[in-house]
Amino acid sequence: ERLMGAMGRHPLLNSLSLSGVVGISDKALWVLANACPGLKALTLYRPGSQLTSAGLQQALECFGLKSLSLGCVADFSGAFKAIQSAAHHLIMLDMTRYFRSAAGVSLVSVLRQLQSSERFPSLRNAFFRGTFSAE
């Protein structure tokens, strides 16, 4: 509620980067999605454990993002599933520091899903840093 009052509406905000802003919850991201309907680029890095893959998915479905960068947001499989549900407009995807939660995920499987024109029709750039290795 406090966030909703402080956030207001920012229909012209195009790009937002929140790095290390611990405490972003499912509800807070949903509020952000509704407060910033014009947002096209979002970066979330280490928002804390209150943001779940279900909350991420709900918010991403509200955005019409062209660029999404996630680092340590939920677990890899949950975050990737959330992205797939809202990837229609994505041109750039960046997922960083998922090496612990992506250990059982096949890189080949992820690449095949990225090639799907039904799931990622606009995707041109994908970056996976510290994701498919045991760093």
N, C-alpha and C. Protein backbone atom coordinates (compact mmCIF):
# COMPACT_ATOMS: atom_id res chain seq x y z
N GLU A 1 0.82 -1.19 0.00
CA GLU A 1 0.00 0.00 0.00
C GLU A 1 0.87 1.25 0.00
N ARG A 2 1.92 1.22 0.84
CA ARG A 2 2.83 2.37 0.89
C ARG A 2 3.49 2.58 -0.46
N LEU A 3 3.87 1.48 -1.10
CA LEU A 3 4.50 1.57 -2.42
C LEU A 3 3.53 2.14 -3.44
N MET A 4 2.28 1.70 -3.39
CA MET A 4 1.30 2.20 -4.35
C MET A 4 1.15 3.71 -4.25
N GLY A 5 1.09 4.21 -3.01
CA GLY A 5 0.95 5.65 -2.81
C GLY A 5 2.18 6.41 -3.27
N ALA A 6 3.35 5.86 -3.00
CA ALA A 6 4.60 6.53 -3.37
C ALA A 6 4.88 6.43 -4.86
N MET A 7 4.44 5.36 -5.46
CA MET A 7 4.76 5.11 -6.87
C MET A 7 4.05 6.06 -7.81
N GLY A 8 2.76 6.26 -7.60
CA GLY A 8 2.01 7.09 -8.53
C GLY A 8 2.00 6.44 -9.90
N ARG A 9 1.70 7.22 -10.91
CA ARG A 9 1.71 6.69 -12.28
C ARG A 9 2.81 7.38 -13.06
N HIS A 10 3.52 6.59 -13.83
CA HIS A 10 4.61 7.10 -14.66
C HIS A 10 4.46 6.52 -16.06
N PRO A 11 3.46 6.98 -16.82
CA PRO A 11 3.19 6.38 -18.12
C PRO A 11 4.30 6.59 -19.16
N LEU A 12 5.17 7.57 -18.95
CA LEU A 12 6.22 7.84 -19.93
C LEU A 12 7.56 7.18 -19.59
N LEU A 13 7.66 6.56 -18.42
CA LEU A 13 8.90 5.89 -18.04
C LEU A 13 9.16 4.73 -18.99
N ASN A 14 10.31 4.75 -19.64
CA ASN A 14 10.64 3.78 -20.68
C ASN A 14 11.57 2.68 -20.20
N SER A 15 12.48 3.00 -19.27
CA SER A 15 13.50 2.07 -18.84
C SER A 15 13.72 2.20 -17.34
N LEU A 16 13.90 1.05 -16.66
CA LEU A 16 14.11 1.06 -15.22
C LEU A 16 15.08 -0.05 -14.85
N SER A 17 16.07 0.29 -14.02
CA SER A 17 17.03 -0.69 -13.53
C SER A 17 17.01 -0.66 -12.01
N LEU A 18 16.72 -1.82 -11.41
CA LEU A 18 16.71 -1.96 -9.96
C LEU A 18 17.73 -3.03 -9.60
N SER A 19 18.88 -2.60 -9.12
CA SER A 19 19.96 -3.52 -8.81
C SER A 19 20.21 -3.53 -7.31
N GLY A 20 20.05 -4.69 -6.69
CA GLY A 20 20.29 -4.81 -5.27
C GLY A 20 19.25 -4.14 -4.41
N VAL A 21 18.09 -3.87 -4.97
CA VAL A 21 16.99 -3.29 -4.20
C VAL A 21 16.25 -4.45 -3.55
N VAL A 22 16.76 -4.90 -2.42
CA VAL A 22 16.22 -6.07 -1.74
C VAL A 22 14.84 -5.75 -1.16
N GLY A 23 13.94 -6.69 -1.28
CA GLY A 23 12.61 -6.52 -0.71
C GLY A 23 11.53 -6.29 -1.75
N ILE A 24 11.88 -6.40 -3.02
CA ILE A 24 10.85 -6.28 -4.05
C ILE A 24 10.02 -7.56 -4.01
N SER A 25 8.75 -7.40 -3.76
CA SER A 25 7.85 -8.55 -3.63
C SER A 25 7.04 -8.72 -4.91
N ASP A 26 6.27 -9.80 -4.94
CA ASP A 26 5.38 -10.04 -6.08
C ASP A 26 4.44 -8.85 -6.26
N LYS A 27 3.87 -8.39 -5.15
CA LYS A 27 2.91 -7.28 -5.21
C LYS A 27 3.59 -5.99 -5.68
N ALA A 28 4.81 -5.75 -5.19
CA ALA A 28 5.52 -4.53 -5.57
C ALA A 28 5.80 -4.51 -7.08
N LEU A 29 6.18 -5.65 -7.64
CA LEU A 29 6.45 -5.70 -9.09
C LEU A 29 5.16 -5.52 -9.88
N TRP A 30 4.08 -6.06 -9.37
CA TRP A 30 2.78 -5.89 -10.03
C TRP A 30 2.36 -4.42 -10.00
N VAL A 31 2.57 -3.76 -8.85
CA VAL A 31 2.27 -2.33 -8.74
C VAL A 31 3.10 -1.55 -9.75
N LEU A 32 4.38 -1.90 -9.86
CA LEU A 32 5.27 -1.25 -10.81
C LEU A 32 4.75 -1.43 -12.24
N ALA A 33 4.33 -2.64 -12.56
CA ALA A 33 3.81 -2.93 -13.91
C ALA A 33 2.61 -2.07 -14.23
N ASN A 34 1.75 -1.86 -13.27
CA ASN A 34 0.55 -1.05 -13.49
C ASN A 34 0.83 0.44 -13.45
N ALA A 35 1.85 0.85 -12.71
CA ALA A 35 2.20 2.27 -12.61
C ALA A 35 3.00 2.76 -13.81
N CYS A 36 3.66 1.85 -14.48
CA CYS A 36 4.54 2.22 -15.60
C CYS A 36 4.16 1.45 -16.86
N PRO A 37 3.00 1.73 -17.43
CA PRO A 37 2.53 0.96 -18.58
C PRO A 37 3.39 1.12 -19.84
N GLY A 38 4.20 2.16 -19.90
CA GLY A 38 5.04 2.39 -21.07
C GLY A 38 6.43 1.80 -20.95
N LEU A 39 6.70 1.08 -19.86
CA LEU A 39 8.04 0.52 -19.63
C LEU A 39 8.38 -0.50 -20.71
N LYS A 40 9.53 -0.32 -21.35
CA LYS A 40 9.98 -1.23 -22.41
C LYS A 40 11.24 -1.98 -22.03
N ALA A 41 11.99 -1.48 -21.03
CA ALA A 41 13.23 -2.13 -20.62
C ALA A 41 13.27 -2.21 -19.09
N LEU A 42 13.48 -3.43 -18.58
CA LEU A 42 13.51 -3.64 -17.14
C LEU A 42 14.71 -4.49 -16.78
N THR A 43 15.46 -4.03 -15.77
CA THR A 43 16.57 -4.78 -15.22
C THR A 43 16.29 -5.00 -13.73
N LEU A 44 16.31 -6.26 -13.31
CA LEU A 44 16.17 -6.62 -11.91
C LEU A 44 17.36 -7.48 -11.53
N TYR A 45 18.12 -7.05 -10.53
CA TYR A 45 19.25 -7.82 -10.09
C TYR A 45 19.23 -7.95 -8.58
N ARG A 46 19.14 -9.15 -8.09
CA ARG A 46 19.14 -9.49 -6.67
C ARG A 46 18.06 -8.73 -5.88
N PRO A 47 16.79 -8.95 -6.25
CA PRO A 47 15.72 -8.27 -5.53
C PRO A 47 15.34 -8.91 -4.20
N GLY A 48 15.92 -10.05 -3.88
CA GLY A 48 15.59 -10.75 -2.64
C GLY A 48 14.62 -11.89 -2.91
N SER A 49 14.29 -12.61 -1.87
CA SER A 49 13.50 -13.83 -2.02
C SER A 49 11.99 -13.59 -2.02
N GLN A 50 11.54 -12.37 -1.83
CA GLN A 50 10.11 -12.10 -1.81
C GLN A 50 9.50 -12.07 -3.20
N LEU A 51 10.33 -11.99 -4.22
CA LEU A 51 9.84 -12.01 -5.60
C LEU A 51 9.94 -13.45 -6.10
N THR A 52 8.79 -14.04 -6.36
CA THR A 52 8.73 -15.43 -6.80
C THR A 52 8.57 -15.50 -8.32
N SER A 53 8.74 -16.68 -8.88
CA SER A 53 8.56 -16.83 -10.32
C SER A 53 7.10 -16.58 -10.70
N ALA A 54 6.15 -16.94 -9.83
CA ALA A 54 4.73 -16.67 -10.11
C ALA A 54 4.46 -15.17 -10.14
N GLY A 55 5.04 -14.44 -9.20
CA GLY A 55 4.89 -12.98 -9.18
C GLY A 55 5.56 -12.33 -10.37
N LEU A 56 6.71 -12.86 -10.74
CA LEU A 56 7.42 -12.35 -11.92
C LEU A 56 6.55 -12.55 -13.16
N GLN A 57 5.98 -13.73 -13.30
CA GLN A 57 5.13 -14.02 -14.46
C GLN A 57 3.93 -13.08 -14.51
N GLN A 58 3.26 -12.90 -13.39
CA GLN A 58 2.09 -12.03 -13.35
C GLN A 58 2.45 -10.61 -13.80
N ALA A 59 3.56 -10.09 -13.31
CA ALA A 59 3.97 -8.73 -13.68
C ALA A 59 4.40 -8.66 -15.14
N LEU A 60 5.17 -9.66 -15.60
CA LEU A 60 5.65 -9.63 -16.99
C LEU A 60 4.50 -9.67 -17.98
N GLU A 61 3.41 -10.31 -17.61
CA GLU A 61 2.25 -10.34 -18.50
C GLU A 61 1.60 -8.97 -18.63
N CYS A 62 1.83 -8.07 -17.68
CA CYS A 62 1.29 -6.70 -17.74
C CYS A 62 2.17 -5.78 -18.60
N PHE A 63 3.47 -6.06 -18.60
CA PHE A 63 4.40 -5.23 -19.36
C PHE A 63 4.39 -5.62 -20.84
N GLY A 64 4.82 -4.72 -21.68
CA GLY A 64 5.08 -5.03 -23.08
C GLY A 64 6.57 -4.86 -23.34
N LEU A 65 7.38 -5.51 -22.49
CA LEU A 65 8.83 -5.30 -22.52
C LEU A 65 9.48 -5.75 -23.82
N LYS A 66 10.45 -4.96 -24.24
CA LYS A 66 11.30 -5.32 -25.36
C LYS A 66 12.66 -5.82 -24.88
N SER A 67 13.05 -5.40 -23.68
CA SER A 67 14.34 -5.77 -23.11
C SER A 67 14.14 -6.17 -21.64
N LEU A 68 14.66 -7.35 -21.29
CA LEU A 68 14.53 -7.82 -19.92
C LEU A 68 15.86 -8.41 -19.47
N SER A 69 16.33 -7.93 -18.34
CA SER A 69 17.57 -8.43 -17.76
C SER A 69 17.29 -8.85 -16.32
N LEU A 70 17.54 -10.13 -16.02
CA LEU A 70 17.30 -10.66 -14.69
C LEU A 70 18.58 -11.25 -14.13
N GLY A 71 18.82 -11.01 -12.87
CA GLY A 71 19.96 -11.60 -12.18
C GLY A 71 19.53 -12.06 -10.80
N CYS A 72 19.63 -13.35 -10.56
CA CYS A 72 19.25 -13.93 -9.26
C CYS A 72 17.81 -13.60 -8.89
N VAL A 73 16.91 -13.67 -9.85
CA VAL A 73 15.49 -13.46 -9.61
C VAL A 73 14.82 -14.82 -9.66
N ALA A 74 14.29 -15.28 -8.53
CA ALA A 74 13.69 -16.61 -8.41
C ALA A 74 14.73 -17.66 -8.82
N ASP A 75 14.28 -18.83 -9.21
CA ASP A 75 15.20 -19.86 -9.70
C ASP A 75 15.17 -19.83 -11.23
N PHE A 76 16.16 -20.43 -11.88
CA PHE A 76 16.27 -20.33 -13.33
C PHE A 76 15.03 -20.87 -14.03
N SER A 77 14.61 -22.08 -13.68
CA SER A 77 13.46 -22.70 -14.38
C SER A 77 12.20 -21.87 -14.21
N GLY A 78 11.94 -21.40 -13.00
CA GLY A 78 10.75 -20.60 -12.75
C GLY A 78 10.80 -19.26 -13.48
N ALA A 79 11.96 -18.62 -13.45
CA ALA A 79 12.11 -17.33 -14.14
C ALA A 79 11.98 -17.51 -15.65
N PHE A 80 12.60 -18.57 -16.18
CA PHE A 80 12.53 -18.79 -17.64
C PHE A 80 11.10 -19.11 -18.08
N LYS A 81 10.38 -19.86 -17.28
CA LYS A 81 8.97 -20.15 -17.58
C LYS A 81 8.15 -18.86 -17.56
N ALA A 82 8.39 -18.01 -16.58
CA ALA A 82 7.68 -16.73 -16.48
C ALA A 82 7.96 -15.87 -17.71
N ILE A 83 9.21 -15.87 -18.14
CA ILE A 83 9.60 -15.08 -19.32
C ILE A 83 8.88 -15.59 -20.56
N GLN A 84 8.83 -16.91 -20.71
CA GLN A 84 8.18 -17.49 -21.89
C GLN A 84 6.71 -17.07 -22.01
N SER A 85 6.04 -16.91 -20.89
CA SER A 85 4.63 -16.56 -20.93
C SER A 85 4.40 -15.12 -21.38
N ALA A 86 5.44 -14.31 -21.33
CA ALA A 86 5.28 -12.89 -21.66
C ALA A 86 6.34 -12.41 -22.64
N ALA A 87 6.85 -13.30 -23.47
CA ALA A 87 8.00 -12.98 -24.32
C ALA A 87 7.64 -12.48 -25.71
N HIS A 88 6.40 -12.22 -25.94
CA HIS A 88 5.96 -11.88 -27.30
C HIS A 88 6.67 -10.69 -27.91
N HIS A 89 7.03 -9.71 -27.10
CA HIS A 89 7.65 -8.49 -27.61
C HIS A 89 9.15 -8.42 -27.35
N LEU A 90 9.69 -9.38 -26.59
CA LEU A 90 11.10 -9.31 -26.20
C LEU A 90 12.04 -9.37 -27.39
N ILE A 91 12.94 -8.40 -27.44
CA ILE A 91 14.01 -8.38 -28.44
C ILE A 91 15.32 -8.82 -27.78
N MET A 92 15.48 -8.47 -26.49
CA MET A 92 16.71 -8.81 -25.77
C MET A 92 16.38 -9.44 -24.43
N LEU A 93 17.05 -10.56 -24.13
CA LEU A 93 16.91 -11.25 -22.86
C LEU A 93 18.30 -11.49 -22.29
N ASP A 94 18.46 -11.14 -21.01
CA ASP A 94 19.74 -11.34 -20.33
C ASP A 94 19.43 -11.99 -18.98
N MET A 95 20.00 -13.17 -18.74
CA MET A 95 19.84 -13.85 -17.45
C MET A 95 21.23 -14.09 -16.87
N THR A 96 21.46 -13.56 -15.68
CA THR A 96 22.78 -13.57 -15.06
C THR A 96 22.75 -14.22 -13.68
N ARG A 97 23.80 -14.99 -13.40
CA ARG A 97 24.05 -15.60 -12.10
C ARG A 97 22.95 -16.56 -11.66
N TYR A 98 22.71 -17.56 -12.49
CA TYR A 98 21.77 -18.63 -12.16
C TYR A 98 22.47 -19.97 -12.07
N PHE A 99 23.80 -19.99 -11.94
CA PHE A 99 24.52 -21.25 -12.03
C PHE A 99 24.10 -22.26 -10.98
N ARG A 100 23.65 -21.83 -9.83
CA ARG A 100 23.21 -22.80 -8.81
C ARG A 100 21.86 -23.41 -9.17
N SER A 101 20.93 -22.61 -9.61
CA SER A 101 19.58 -23.14 -9.88
C SER A 101 19.41 -23.66 -11.30
N ALA A 102 20.39 -23.46 -12.17
CA ALA A 102 20.30 -23.96 -13.54
C ALA A 102 21.09 -25.25 -13.73
N ALA A 103 21.60 -25.81 -12.64
CA ALA A 103 22.47 -26.99 -12.74
C ALA A 103 21.80 -28.15 -13.46
N GLY A 104 20.52 -28.36 -13.26
CA GLY A 104 19.83 -29.48 -13.89
C GLY A 104 19.16 -29.14 -15.20
N VAL A 105 19.41 -27.94 -15.71
CA VAL A 105 18.77 -27.49 -16.94
C VAL A 105 19.72 -27.67 -18.12
N SER A 106 19.19 -28.18 -19.22
CA SER A 106 20.00 -28.41 -20.40
C SER A 106 20.09 -27.13 -21.25
N LEU A 107 21.30 -26.72 -21.54
CA LEU A 107 21.51 -25.55 -22.41
C LEU A 107 20.87 -25.78 -23.77
N VAL A 108 20.97 -26.99 -24.29
CA VAL A 108 20.39 -27.32 -25.60
C VAL A 108 18.87 -27.12 -25.56
N SER A 109 18.24 -27.55 -24.47
CA SER A 109 16.79 -27.37 -24.33
C SER A 109 16.41 -25.89 -24.31
N VAL A 110 17.16 -25.09 -23.58
CA VAL A 110 16.88 -23.65 -23.52
C VAL A 110 17.06 -23.02 -24.90
N LEU A 111 18.12 -23.38 -25.61
CA LEU A 111 18.34 -22.83 -26.95
C LEU A 111 17.23 -23.22 -27.91
N ARG A 112 16.73 -24.43 -27.81
CA ARG A 112 15.61 -24.86 -28.66
C ARG A 112 14.36 -24.03 -28.38
N GLN A 113 14.12 -23.76 -27.10
CA GLN A 113 12.96 -22.95 -26.75
C GLN A 113 13.11 -21.52 -27.25
N LEU A 114 14.33 -21.00 -27.20
CA LEU A 114 14.57 -19.64 -27.71
C LEU A 114 14.35 -19.56 -29.21
N GLN A 115 14.59 -20.65 -29.91
CA GLN A 115 14.40 -20.67 -31.36
C GLN A 115 12.94 -20.70 -31.77
N SER A 116 12.06 -21.01 -30.84
CA SER A 116 10.64 -21.13 -31.14
C SER A 116 10.06 -19.76 -31.51
N SER A 117 9.60 -19.66 -32.73
CA SER A 117 9.03 -18.39 -33.19
C SER A 117 7.68 -18.14 -32.52
N GLU A 118 7.06 -19.18 -31.96
CA GLU A 118 5.80 -18.98 -31.26
C GLU A 118 6.02 -18.38 -29.87
N ARG A 119 7.09 -18.81 -29.19
CA ARG A 119 7.36 -18.32 -27.84
C ARG A 119 8.15 -17.02 -27.83
N PHE A 120 9.09 -16.90 -28.73
CA PHE A 120 9.98 -15.73 -28.78
C PHE A 120 10.03 -15.18 -30.21
N PRO A 121 8.92 -14.67 -30.72
CA PRO A 121 8.88 -14.26 -32.13
C PRO A 121 9.77 -13.07 -32.48
N SER A 122 10.09 -12.22 -31.51
CA SER A 122 10.87 -11.01 -31.79
C SER A 122 12.29 -11.05 -31.26
N LEU A 123 12.66 -12.10 -30.53
CA LEU A 123 13.95 -12.16 -29.84
C LEU A 123 15.11 -12.13 -30.83
N ARG A 124 16.05 -11.22 -30.58
CA ARG A 124 17.23 -11.08 -31.43
C ARG A 124 18.52 -11.31 -30.65
N ASN A 125 18.51 -11.05 -29.34
CA ASN A 125 19.71 -11.19 -28.52
C ASN A 125 19.36 -11.89 -27.21
N ALA A 126 20.17 -12.89 -26.86
CA ALA A 126 20.00 -13.59 -25.58
C ALA A 126 21.37 -13.77 -24.95
N PHE A 127 21.47 -13.44 -23.67
CA PHE A 127 22.73 -13.55 -22.94
C PHE A 127 22.48 -14.37 -21.68
N PHE A 128 23.35 -15.33 -21.43
CA PHE A 128 23.29 -16.13 -20.22
C PHE A 128 24.68 -16.07 -19.60
N ARG A 129 24.80 -15.31 -18.53
CA ARG A 129 26.12 -15.12 -17.88
C ARG A 129 26.10 -15.81 -16.53
N GLY A 130 27.09 -16.65 -16.30
CA GLY A 130 27.16 -17.36 -15.03
C GLY A 130 25.94 -18.20 -14.79
N THR A 131 25.46 -18.86 -15.83
CA THR A 131 24.21 -19.59 -15.74
C THR A 131 24.38 -21.09 -15.91
N PHE A 132 25.07 -21.51 -16.93
CA PHE A 132 25.20 -22.93 -17.24
C PHE A 132 26.56 -23.46 -16.90
N SER A 133 27.13 -22.99 -15.81
CA SER A 133 28.44 -23.48 -15.38
C SER A 133 28.45 -23.55 -13.85
N ALA A 134 29.41 -24.24 -13.34
CA ALA A 134 29.52 -24.37 -11.89
C ALA A 134 30.59 -23.43 -11.37
N GLU A 135 30.41 -22.14 -11.61
CA GLU A 135 31.41 -21.14 -11.21
C GLU A 135 31.62 -21.13 -9.72
